N, C-alpha and C. Protein backbone atom coordinates (compact mmCIF):
# COMPACT_ATOMS: atom_id res chain seq x y z
N MET A 1 20.64 23.15 93.66
CA MET A 1 20.14 22.26 92.60
C MET A 1 19.46 23.56 91.40
N THR A 2 19.16 22.81 90.27
CA THR A 2 18.91 23.73 89.29
C THR A 2 17.73 23.10 88.83
N LEU A 3 16.79 23.74 88.12
CA LEU A 3 15.53 23.08 87.22
C LEU A 3 16.02 22.14 86.37
N ALA A 4 16.84 22.09 86.06
CA ALA A 4 17.16 20.85 84.94
C ALA A 4 17.42 19.82 85.74
N GLU A 5 17.76 19.53 86.97
CA GLU A 5 18.02 18.14 87.94
C GLU A 5 16.78 18.28 88.68
N LEU A 6 15.85 18.69 88.87
CA LEU A 6 14.60 18.36 89.02
C LEU A 6 13.90 17.13 88.44
N LYS A 7 13.31 16.43 89.16
CA LYS A 7 12.37 15.27 88.55
C LYS A 7 11.17 15.55 88.36
N THR A 8 10.31 14.65 87.50
CA THR A 8 8.82 14.78 87.10
C THR A 8 8.33 14.93 88.45
N GLY A 9 7.30 15.69 88.85
CA GLY A 9 6.33 15.70 89.84
C GLY A 9 7.26 16.20 91.24
N GLN A 10 8.28 16.77 91.25
CA GLN A 10 8.93 17.16 92.08
C GLN A 10 8.64 18.82 92.15
N LYS A 11 8.72 19.47 93.60
CA LYS A 11 8.26 20.71 93.51
C LYS A 11 9.51 21.37 94.17
N ALA A 12 9.79 22.71 93.96
CA ALA A 12 10.64 23.42 94.55
C ALA A 12 10.56 24.99 94.58
N VAL A 13 11.19 25.72 95.27
CA VAL A 13 11.24 27.00 95.21
C VAL A 13 12.39 28.05 94.39
N VAL A 14 12.35 28.64 93.51
CA VAL A 14 13.04 29.40 92.92
C VAL A 14 14.09 30.16 93.90
N SER A 15 15.21 29.79 93.69
CA SER A 15 16.28 30.93 94.91
C SER A 15 16.89 31.96 94.33
N GLY A 16 17.26 32.07 93.06
CA GLY A 16 17.88 32.90 92.22
C GLY A 16 18.33 32.17 90.54
N PHE A 17 19.53 32.50 90.19
CA PHE A 17 20.01 32.48 88.76
C PHE A 17 20.94 32.55 88.65
N LYS A 18 21.85 31.47 87.97
CA LYS A 18 23.22 31.28 87.88
C LYS A 18 23.93 32.47 87.35
N GLU A 19 23.20 33.24 86.16
CA GLU A 19 23.81 34.30 85.68
C GLU A 19 22.74 35.52 85.39
N TYR A 20 22.88 36.65 85.31
CA TYR A 20 22.05 37.56 84.88
C TYR A 20 22.13 37.83 83.42
N SER A 21 21.18 37.68 82.43
CA SER A 21 21.37 38.26 81.17
C SER A 21 20.03 38.25 80.37
N PRO A 22 20.27 38.90 79.15
CA PRO A 22 18.72 39.14 78.69
C PRO A 22 18.00 37.85 78.34
N LEU A 23 18.68 36.57 78.66
CA LEU A 23 17.82 35.52 78.64
C LEU A 23 17.04 35.09 80.00
N THR A 24 17.88 35.53 81.31
CA THR A 24 17.41 35.31 82.44
C THR A 24 16.05 36.47 82.72
N GLN A 25 16.49 37.54 81.81
CA GLN A 25 15.30 39.00 82.34
C GLN A 25 14.13 38.28 81.53
N ARG A 26 14.20 37.45 80.59
CA ARG A 26 12.88 36.79 79.96
C ARG A 26 12.35 35.97 80.66
N ILE A 27 12.77 35.07 81.18
CA ILE A 27 12.66 33.90 82.15
C ILE A 27 11.88 34.86 83.10
N MET A 28 12.62 35.82 83.58
CA MET A 28 11.80 36.32 85.12
C MET A 28 10.49 37.20 84.52
N GLN A 29 10.24 37.70 83.01
CA GLN A 29 9.31 38.31 82.72
C GLN A 29 7.99 37.38 82.85
N LEU A 30 8.58 35.96 82.56
CA LEU A 30 7.55 34.81 82.49
C LEU A 30 6.96 34.40 83.75
N GLY A 31 7.59 34.94 84.73
CA GLY A 31 6.81 34.76 86.00
C GLY A 31 7.76 34.24 86.99
N VAL A 32 9.11 33.63 86.58
CA VAL A 32 9.73 32.67 87.08
C VAL A 32 10.74 33.72 88.16
N LEU A 33 10.19 33.73 89.21
CA LEU A 33 10.83 34.91 90.11
C LEU A 33 11.16 34.37 91.28
N GLU A 34 12.23 34.88 91.94
CA GLU A 34 12.55 34.12 93.31
C GLU A 34 11.28 34.19 94.33
N ASP A 35 11.58 32.99 94.77
CA ASP A 35 10.10 32.64 95.90
C ASP A 35 9.00 31.83 95.35
N THR A 36 9.33 32.24 94.10
CA THR A 36 8.07 31.17 93.30
C THR A 36 7.92 29.75 93.42
N VAL A 37 6.96 29.00 93.75
CA VAL A 37 6.98 27.80 94.08
C VAL A 37 6.67 27.02 92.41
N LEU A 38 7.51 25.92 92.01
CA LEU A 38 7.13 25.79 90.74
C LEU A 38 7.26 24.00 90.85
N GLU A 39 6.26 23.30 89.63
CA GLU A 39 6.47 21.93 89.66
C GLU A 39 6.98 21.48 88.18
N VAL A 40 7.95 20.38 88.36
CA VAL A 40 7.75 19.87 86.94
C VAL A 40 6.84 18.87 86.50
N LEU A 41 5.98 19.18 85.35
CA LEU A 41 4.84 18.45 85.38
C LEU A 41 5.32 17.20 84.38
N ARG A 42 6.39 17.30 83.20
CA ARG A 42 6.71 16.51 82.26
C ARG A 42 7.64 16.88 81.76
N ARG A 43 8.77 15.87 81.09
CA ARG A 43 9.32 15.98 80.18
C ARG A 43 9.24 15.40 78.94
N ALA A 44 10.11 16.22 77.94
CA ALA A 44 10.17 15.29 76.56
C ALA A 44 10.65 14.08 76.34
N PRO A 45 10.63 13.12 75.46
CA PRO A 45 11.09 11.80 75.58
C PRO A 45 12.88 11.81 75.52
N ALA A 46 13.08 13.03 74.85
CA ALA A 46 14.79 13.03 74.79
C ALA A 46 14.88 14.24 76.17
N GLY A 47 14.13 14.46 77.00
CA GLY A 47 14.42 15.39 77.91
C GLY A 47 14.00 16.91 77.75
N ASP A 48 14.00 17.58 76.40
CA ASP A 48 14.15 18.93 76.14
C ASP A 48 12.98 18.99 75.41
N PRO A 49 11.86 20.03 75.72
CA PRO A 49 11.84 20.96 76.73
C PRO A 49 11.34 20.28 78.12
N ILE A 50 11.51 20.89 79.15
CA ILE A 50 10.89 20.77 80.34
C ILE A 50 9.47 21.33 80.41
N GLU A 51 8.36 20.89 80.83
CA GLU A 51 7.39 21.66 81.17
C GLU A 51 6.90 21.79 82.78
N ILE A 52 6.65 23.17 83.27
CA ILE A 52 6.98 23.31 84.57
C ILE A 52 5.49 23.79 84.81
N ARG A 53 4.87 23.97 86.16
CA ARG A 53 3.30 24.87 86.50
C ARG A 53 4.40 25.60 87.47
N LEU A 54 3.78 27.07 87.16
CA LEU A 54 4.05 28.10 88.33
C LEU A 54 2.72 29.21 88.22
N LEU A 55 2.33 29.73 89.18
CA LEU A 55 1.53 30.90 88.91
C LEU A 55 0.22 30.50 88.19
N GLY A 56 -0.14 29.23 88.49
CA GLY A 56 -1.20 28.73 87.87
C GLY A 56 -1.19 28.45 86.19
N TYR A 57 0.01 28.53 85.82
CA TYR A 57 -0.02 28.37 84.42
C TYR A 57 1.16 27.42 83.81
N ALA A 58 1.13 26.93 83.00
CA ALA A 58 2.25 25.61 82.36
C ALA A 58 3.12 26.61 81.43
N LEU A 59 4.86 26.30 81.68
CA LEU A 59 5.68 26.75 80.97
C LEU A 59 6.70 26.00 80.53
N SER A 60 6.79 25.74 79.18
CA SER A 60 7.69 25.19 78.90
C SER A 60 9.27 25.64 78.57
N LEU A 61 10.53 25.07 79.08
CA LEU A 61 11.83 25.85 78.99
C LEU A 61 12.58 24.57 78.45
N ARG A 62 13.44 25.40 77.85
CA ARG A 62 14.64 24.19 77.28
C ARG A 62 15.71 23.62 78.39
N GLN A 63 16.35 22.68 78.21
CA GLN A 63 17.04 22.18 79.08
C GLN A 63 18.36 23.32 79.37
N SER A 64 18.56 24.01 78.64
CA SER A 64 19.84 25.05 78.94
C SER A 64 18.97 26.26 79.70
N GLU A 65 17.76 26.48 79.43
CA GLU A 65 17.12 27.67 80.11
C GLU A 65 16.95 27.09 81.65
N ALA A 66 16.86 25.55 81.77
CA ALA A 66 16.38 25.25 83.12
C ALA A 66 17.54 25.28 83.91
N SER A 67 18.70 25.02 83.26
CA SER A 67 19.66 24.81 84.19
C SER A 67 20.25 26.13 84.64
N LEU A 68 19.83 27.37 84.13
CA LEU A 68 20.07 28.54 84.80
C LEU A 68 19.29 28.97 85.87
N ILE A 69 18.38 28.26 86.39
CA ILE A 69 17.28 28.55 87.43
C ILE A 69 17.84 27.54 88.69
N GLU A 70 18.06 28.35 89.72
CA GLU A 70 18.57 27.77 90.99
C GLU A 70 17.47 27.39 91.83
N LEU A 71 17.51 26.30 92.62
CA LEU A 71 16.27 26.01 93.23
C LEU A 71 16.40 25.63 94.78
N ARG A 72 15.84 25.87 95.60
CA ARG A 72 16.18 25.23 96.73
C ARG A 72 14.55 24.33 97.39
N ASP A 73 14.74 23.41 98.20
CA ASP A 73 13.76 22.69 98.55
C ASP A 73 12.33 23.56 99.53
N ILE A 74 10.85 22.92 99.44
CA ILE A 74 10.14 23.52 99.85
C ILE A 74 10.27 23.03 101.26
N ARG A 75 10.03 24.05 102.41
CA ARG A 75 10.23 23.83 103.74
C ARG A 75 8.68 23.88 104.51
């Protein structure tokens, strides 16, 4: 599953990225790293961008960026 598929209020753990590029490197610099727990806080009315919480702060990502982040369920 990817971050783009996660519903508002759901939590998951980052398991990796679909591809590695300068964009994914930038996302990683913002704290979206493997084994990081994140939660979808809300979505814009049109679904883009997505606001997530991780590491104690909120981050907004475009739908296209969120689709690059692979997740697994919290166990």
